[in-house]
Amino acid sequence: GPARSRGIAGISMSGTAVIRIAENHPGMYRAVGAYSGCADTASPQGQLALRSVAFFPGGADASNMYGPPGDPQWTAQDPVVNAYKLRNRTPALWISAATGLPGAHDTLSDRRIGGNVGALADQVAVGGVSEAVSRYCTQTLASRLAALRIPATVRFPAAGTHSWGYWQDQMHQSWPMFARALGA
């Protein structure tokens, strides 16, 4: 149907999915936000990144997403490979990922940490690695969009881990883009 005032945004793995949904449904969304996603699923580096991010927090197997290494679904579902599908009816795009270095939300006094030393250590260690991986994938997507001349707002904060405080910051920063695209 015609593009109504629809927008979609996602964090982490859903940041990958929202790009694919927009690619698969041209014109359905007027605005798309992907915060700390990993859109590079086809390359060996992207697969290693996704396998690492899936495995380290809880021992998950990324083969459950698109099959074993070498399965054609890894390429078929890759938002970087399929970015050309955004050309004809390009939504307003916001993609972002930080460096993984500790930042303003990586403190004992942060409301999400609440003084919990273990939670802070996990957010800095696991969240740092996960965000660095997301940064790599997001840079790959940004380069592909630029090569295809598909406009996107790209943000690479100098500090920030793979955690809620930073995603909330990106949502607030991207809201004016969403509001304009949605006519809100």
C-alpha atoms as a PDB file:
ATOM      1  CA  GLY A   1       0.000   0.000   0.000  1.00  0.00           C
ATOM      2  CA  PRO A   2       0.940   3.669  -0.108  1.00  0.00           C
ATOM      3  CA  ALA A   3       3.436   4.962   2.421  1.00  0.00           C
ATOM      4  CA  ARG A   4       1.472   6.265   5.345  1.00  0.00           C
ATOM      5  CA  SER A   5       3.223   7.763   8.297  1.00  0.00           C
ATOM      6  CA  ARG A   6       5.176   4.652   9.244  1.00  0.00           C
ATOM      7  CA  GLY A   7       8.586   4.441  10.801  1.00  0.00           C
ATOM      8  CA  ILE A   8      10.597   1.563  12.195  1.00  0.00           C
ATOM      9  CA  ALA A   9      13.659   1.440  14.413  1.00  0.00           C
ATOM     10  CA  GLY A  10      15.713  -1.288  16.013  1.00  0.00           C
ATOM     11  CA  ILE A  11      18.648  -1.815  18.324  1.00  0.00           C
ATOM     12  CA  SER A  12      21.385  -4.427  18.074  1.00  0.00           C
ATOM     13  CA  MET A  13      20.163  -7.462  16.094  1.00  0.00           C
ATOM     14  CA  SER A  14      16.831  -5.771  15.400  1.00  0.00           C
ATOM     15  CA  GLY A  15      18.867  -2.874  13.965  1.00  0.00           C
ATOM     16  CA  THR A  16      19.848  -5.339  11.253  1.00  0.00           C
ATOM     17  CA  ALA A  17      16.276  -6.550  10.787  1.00  0.00           C
ATOM     18  CA  VAL A  18      14.744  -3.094  10.304  1.00  0.00           C
ATOM     19  CA  ILE A  19      17.041  -2.440   7.337  1.00  0.00           C
ATOM     20  CA  ARG A  20      16.028  -5.784   5.772  1.00  0.00           C
ATOM     21  CA  ILE A  21      12.341  -5.089   6.359  1.00  0.00           C
ATOM     22  CA  ALA A  22      12.653  -1.712   4.612  1.00  0.00           C
ATOM     23  CA  GLU A  23      14.550  -3.341   1.730  1.00  0.00           C
ATOM     24  CA  ASN A  24      11.907  -6.041   1.357  1.00  0.00           C
ATOM     25  CA  HIS A  25       8.992  -3.562   1.489  1.00  0.00           C
ATOM     26  CA  PRO A  26       9.957  -0.466  -0.543  1.00  0.00           C
ATOM     27  CA  GLY A  27       7.911   2.568   0.372  1.00  0.00           C
ATOM     28  CA  MET A  28       6.307   1.023   3.436  1.00  0.00           C
ATOM     29  CA  TYR A  29       8.363   3.096   5.888  1.00  0.00           C
ATOM     30  CA  ARG A  30       9.083   6.776   5.673  1.00  0.00           C
ATOM     31  CA  ALA A  31      11.830   6.559   8.315  1.00  0.00           C
ATOM     32  CA  VAL A  32      14.174   3.797   9.469  1.00  0.00           C
ATOM     33  CA  GLY A  33      16.566   3.885  12.413  1.00  0.00           C
ATOM     34  CA  ALA A  34      19.220   1.234  13.040  1.00  0.00           C
ATOM     35  CA  TYR A  35      21.157   1.677  16.263  1.00  0.00           C
ATOM     36  CA  SER A  36      24.178  -0.613  16.795  1.00  0.00           C
ATOM     37  CA  GLY A  37      23.079  -3.211  14.268  1.00  0.00           C
ATOM     38  CA  CYS A  38      25.286  -5.527  12.234  1.00  0.00           C
ATOM     39  CA  ALA A  39      24.119  -5.310   8.633  1.00  0.00           C
ATOM     40  CA  ASP A  40      27.164  -7.082   7.174  1.00  0.00           C
ATOM     41  CA  THR A  41      26.078 -10.740   7.277  1.00  0.00           C
ATOM     42  CA  ALA A  42      27.572 -12.025   4.002  1.00  0.00           C
ATOM     43  CA  SER A  43      31.280 -11.245   4.443  1.00  0.00           C
ATOM     44  CA  PRO A  44      33.529 -13.576   6.442  1.00  0.00           C
ATOM     45  CA  GLN A  45      34.237 -10.674   8.833  1.00  0.00           C
ATOM     46  CA  GLY A  46      30.536  -9.957   9.293  1.00  0.00           C
ATOM     47  CA  GLN A  47      29.736 -13.627   9.919  1.00  0.00           C
ATOM     48  CA  LEU A  48      32.559 -13.874  12.462  1.00  0.00           C
ATOM     49  CA  ALA A  49      31.274 -10.739  14.141  1.00  0.00           C
ATOM     50  CA  LEU A  50      27.699 -12.021  14.326  1.00  0.00           C
ATOM     51  CA  ARG A  51      28.815 -15.447  15.548  1.00  0.00           C
ATOM     52  CA  SER A  52      30.922 -13.825  18.277  1.00  0.00           C
ATOM     53  CA  VAL A  53      28.173 -11.457  19.388  1.00  0.00           C
ATOM     54  CA  ALA A  54      25.641 -14.317  19.490  1.00  0.00           C
ATOM     55  CA  PHE A  55      27.963 -16.701  21.321  1.00  0.00           C
ATOM     56  CA  PHE A  56      29.649 -14.645  24.029  1.00  0.00           C
ATOM     57  CA  PRO A  57      26.700 -13.343  26.058  1.00  0.00           C
ATOM     58  CA  GLY A  58      24.834 -16.642  26.334  1.00  0.00           C
ATOM     59  CA  GLY A  59      26.365 -19.296  24.107  1.00  0.00           C
ATOM     60  CA  ALA A  60      23.900 -18.887  21.211  1.00  0.00           C
ATOM     61  CA  ASP A  61      24.691 -20.344  17.794  1.00  0.00           C
ATOM     62  CA  ALA A  62      24.325 -17.852  14.920  1.00  0.00           C
ATOM     63  CA  SER A  63      23.687 -20.791  12.560  1.00  0.00           C
ATOM     64  CA  ASN A  64      20.148 -20.684  13.943  1.00  0.00           C
ATOM     65  CA  MET A  65      19.683 -17.380  12.095  1.00  0.00           C
ATOM     66  CA  TYR A  66      20.756 -18.163   8.521  1.00  0.00           C
ATOM     67  CA  GLY A  67      22.249 -21.636   8.585  1.00  0.00           C
ATOM     68  CA  PRO A  68      25.820 -22.893   8.810  1.00  0.00           C
ATOM     69  CA  PRO A  69      28.760 -20.918   7.384  1.00  0.00           C
ATOM     70  CA  GLY A  70      28.479 -20.770   3.602  1.00  0.00           C
ATOM     71  CA  ASP A  71      24.688 -21.129   3.545  1.00  0.00           C
ATOM     72  CA  PRO A  72      23.339 -18.805   0.803  1.00  0.00           C
ATOM     73  CA  GLN A  73      20.877 -17.261   3.284  1.00  0.00           C
ATOM     74  CA  TRP A  74      23.739 -15.291   4.860  1.00  0.00           C
ATOM     75  CA  THR A  75      24.036 -13.379   1.569  1.00  0.00           C
ATOM     76  CA  ALA A  76      20.322 -13.394   0.723  1.00  0.00           C
ATOM     77  CA  GLN A  77      19.534 -11.700   4.052  1.00  0.00           C
ATOM     78  CA  ASP A  78      22.487  -9.281   4.038  1.00  0.00           C
ATOM     79  CA  PRO A  79      21.304  -5.641   4.271  1.00  0.00           C
ATOM     80  CA  VAL A  80      24.584  -4.416   2.750  1.00  0.00           C
ATOM     81  CA  VAL A  81      24.238  -6.660  -0.320  1.00  0.00           C
ATOM     82  CA  ASN A  82      20.558  -5.723  -0.667  1.00  0.00           C
ATOM     83  CA  ALA A  83      20.963  -1.989   0.000  1.00  0.00           C
ATOM     84  CA  TYR A  84      20.258  -1.229  -3.673  1.00  0.00           C
ATOM     85  CA  LYS A  85      16.602  -2.072  -2.942  1.00  0.00           C
ATOM     86  CA  LEU A  86      16.360   1.198  -0.976  1.00  0.00           C
ATOM     87  CA  ARG A  87      17.166   3.325  -4.068  1.00  0.00           C
ATOM     88  CA  ASN A  88      13.739   3.800  -5.603  1.00  0.00           C
ATOM     89  CA  ARG A  89      11.734   4.711  -2.506  1.00  0.00           C
ATOM     90  CA  THR A  90      14.396   5.695  -0.001  1.00  0.00           C
ATOM     91  CA  PRO A  91      13.133   6.250   3.531  1.00  0.00           C
ATOM     92  CA  ALA A  92      14.835   8.718   5.824  1.00  0.00           C
ATOM     93  CA  LEU A  93      17.658   6.578   7.238  1.00  0.00           C
ATOM     94  CA  TRP A  94      19.552   6.923  10.531  1.00  0.00           C
ATOM     95  CA  ILE A  95      22.320   4.446  11.255  1.00  0.00           C
ATOM     96  CA  SER A  96      24.649   4.649  14.211  1.00  0.00           C
ATOM     97  CA  ALA A  97      27.169   2.736  16.288  1.00  0.00           C
ATOM     98  CA  ALA A  98      29.728   3.898  18.827  1.00  0.00           C
ATOM     99  CA  THR A  99      33.301   2.679  19.337  1.00  0.00           C
ATOM    100  CA  GLY A 100      32.775   0.373  22.301  1.00  0.00           C
ATOM    101  CA  LEU A 101      34.939   2.590  24.496  1.00  0.00           C
ATOM    102  CA  PRO A 102      33.356   3.412  27.874  1.00  0.00           C
ATOM    103  CA  GLY A 103      31.348   6.614  27.919  1.00  0.00           C
ATOM    104  CA  ALA A 104      28.852   8.615  29.932  1.00  0.00           C
ATOM    105  CA  HIS A 105      26.513   5.650  30.626  1.00  0.00           C
ATOM    106  CA  ASP A 106      29.320   3.331  31.736  1.00  0.00           C
ATOM    107  CA  THR A 107      29.518   4.449  35.346  1.00  0.00           C
ATOM    108  CA  LEU A 108      28.393   3.068  38.686  1.00  0.00           C
ATOM    109  CA  SER A 109      26.111   6.095  39.061  1.00  0.00           C
ATOM    110  CA  ASP A 110      24.258   5.459  35.792  1.00  0.00           C
ATOM    111  CA  ARG A 111      20.623   4.642  36.637  1.00  0.00           C
ATOM    112  CA  ARG A 112      20.735   1.374  34.669  1.00  0.00           C
ATOM    113  CA  ILE A 113      23.873   0.224  36.517  1.00  0.00           C
ATOM    114  CA  GLY A 114      22.611   1.344  39.910  1.00  0.00           C
ATOM    115  CA  GLY A 115      25.948   0.850  41.684  1.00  0.00           C
ATOM    116  CA  ASN A 116      26.256  -2.816  40.590  1.00  0.00           C
ATOM    117  CA  VAL A 117      29.966  -3.414  39.896  1.00  0.00           C
ATOM    118  CA  GLY A 118      29.274  -6.716  38.071  1.00  0.00           C
ATOM    119  CA  ALA A 119      26.715  -5.096  35.793  1.00  0.00           C
ATOM    120  CA  LEU A 120      29.149  -2.311  34.995  1.00  0.00           C
ATOM    121  CA  ALA A 121      31.986  -4.756  34.275  1.00  0.00           C
ATOM    122  CA  ASP A 122      29.717  -6.751  31.948  1.00  0.00           C
ATOM    123  CA  GLN A 123      28.492  -3.637  30.156  1.00  0.00           C
ATOM    124  CA  VAL A 124      32.043  -2.378  29.615  1.00  0.00           C
ATOM    125  CA  ALA A 125      33.572  -5.745  28.622  1.00  0.00           C
ATOM    126  CA  VAL A 126      30.840  -7.544  26.647  1.00  0.00           C
ATOM    127  CA  GLY A 127      29.096  -4.327  25.636  1.00  0.00           C
ATOM    128  CA  GLY A 128      32.393  -2.825  24.514  1.00  0.00           C
ATOM    129  CA  VAL A 129      33.243  -5.733  22.210  1.00  0.00           C
ATOM    130  CA  SER A 130      29.682  -5.965  20.877  1.00  0.00           C
ATOM    131  CA  GLU A 131      29.600  -2.257  20.072  1.00  0.00           C
ATOM    132  CA  ALA A 132      32.994  -2.367  18.347  1.00  0.00           C
ATOM    133  CA  VAL A 133      31.616  -5.170  16.156  1.00  0.00           C
ATOM    134  CA  SER A 134      28.477  -3.117  15.451  1.00  0.00           C
ATOM    135  CA  ARG A 135      30.666  -0.157  14.505  1.00  0.00           C
ATOM    136  CA  TYR A 136      32.531  -2.271  11.929  1.00  0.00           C
ATOM    137  CA  CYS A 137      29.240  -3.505  10.419  1.00  0.00           C
ATOM    138  CA  THR A 138      27.690  -0.029  10.429  1.00  0.00           C
ATOM    139  CA  GLN A 139      30.735   1.439   8.672  1.00  0.00           C
ATOM    140  CA  THR A 140      30.356  -1.237   5.988  1.00  0.00           C
ATOM    141  CA  LEU A 141      26.680  -0.345   5.529  1.00  0.00           C
ATOM    142  CA  ALA A 142      27.432   3.390   5.464  1.00  0.00           C
ATOM    143  CA  SER A 143      30.078   2.856   2.755  1.00  0.00           C
ATOM    144  CA  ARG A 144      27.671   0.796   0.639  1.00  0.00           C
ATOM    145  CA  LEU A 145      24.885   3.382   0.976  1.00  0.00           C
ATOM    146  CA  ALA A 146      27.325   6.143  -0.041  1.00  0.00           C
ATOM    147  CA  ALA A 147      28.546   4.109  -3.043  1.00  0.00           C
ATOM    148  CA  LEU A 148      24.918   3.689  -4.146  1.00  0.00           C
ATOM    149  CA  ARG A 149      24.236   7.403  -3.486  1.00  0.00           C
ATOM    150  CA  ILE A 150      21.496   6.517  -1.007  1.00  0.00           C
ATOM    151  CA  PRO A 151      21.228   9.318   1.543  1.00  0.00           C
ATOM    152  CA  ALA A 152      21.538   8.408   5.206  1.00  0.00           C
ATOM    153  CA  THR A 153      22.275  10.159   8.447  1.00  0.00           C
ATOM    154  CA  VAL A 154      25.257   8.306   9.894  1.00  0.00           C
ATOM    155  CA  ARG A 155      26.472   8.801  13.457  1.00  0.00           C
ATOM    156  CA  PHE A 156      29.634   7.299  14.922  1.00  0.00           C
ATOM    157  CA  PRO A 157      29.935   8.526  18.530  1.00  0.00           C
ATOM    158  CA  ALA A 158      33.488   8.439  19.896  1.00  0.00           C
ATOM    159  CA  ALA A 159      32.434   6.565  23.041  1.00  0.00           C
ATOM    160  CA  GLY A 160      29.673   4.186  24.015  1.00  0.00           C
ATOM    161  CA  THR A 161      29.017   0.519  24.642  1.00  0.00           C
ATOM    162  CA  HIS A 162      26.284  -1.828  23.380  1.00  0.00           C
ATOM    163  CA  SER A 163      23.744  -0.742  25.978  1.00  0.00           C
ATOM    164  CA  TRP A 164      20.409   0.965  26.558  1.00  0.00           C
ATOM    165  CA  GLY A 165      21.643   4.422  27.545  1.00  0.00           C
ATOM    166  CA  TYR A 166      23.379   4.937  24.220  1.00  0.00           C
ATOM    167  CA  TRP A 167      20.448   3.587  22.210  1.00  0.00           C
ATOM    168  CA  GLN A 168      18.141   5.959  24.038  1.00  0.00           C
ATOM    169  CA  ASP A 169      20.531   8.816  23.211  1.00  0.00           C
ATOM    170  CA  GLN A 170      20.479   7.847  19.517  1.00  0.00           C
ATOM    171  CA  MET A 171      16.677   7.592  19.493  1.00  0.00           C
ATOM    172  CA  HIS A 172      16.409  11.087  20.967  1.00  0.00           C
ATOM    173  CA  GLN A 173      18.957  12.437  18.468  1.00  0.00           C
ATOM    174  CA  SER A 174      17.208  10.782  15.522  1.00  0.00           C
ATOM    175  CA  TRP A 175      13.703  11.836  16.547  1.00  0.00           C
ATOM    176  CA  PRO A 176      13.754  15.104  14.524  1.00  0.00           C
ATOM    177  CA  MET A 177      14.521  13.070  11.377  1.00  0.00           C
ATOM    178  CA  PHE A 178      11.640  10.690  12.210  1.00  0.00           C
ATOM    179  CA  ALA A 179       9.291  13.584  13.016  1.00  0.00           C
ATOM    180  CA  ARG A 180      10.009  15.311   9.675  1.00  0.00           C
ATOM    181  CA  ALA A 181       9.624  12.069   7.690  1.00  0.00           C
ATOM    182  CA  LEU A 182       6.401  11.129   9.489  1.00  0.00           C
ATOM    183  CA  GLY A 183       4.918  14.622   9.438  1.00  0.00           C
ATOM    184  CA  ALA A 184       4.686  14.593  13.223  1.00  0.00           C
END
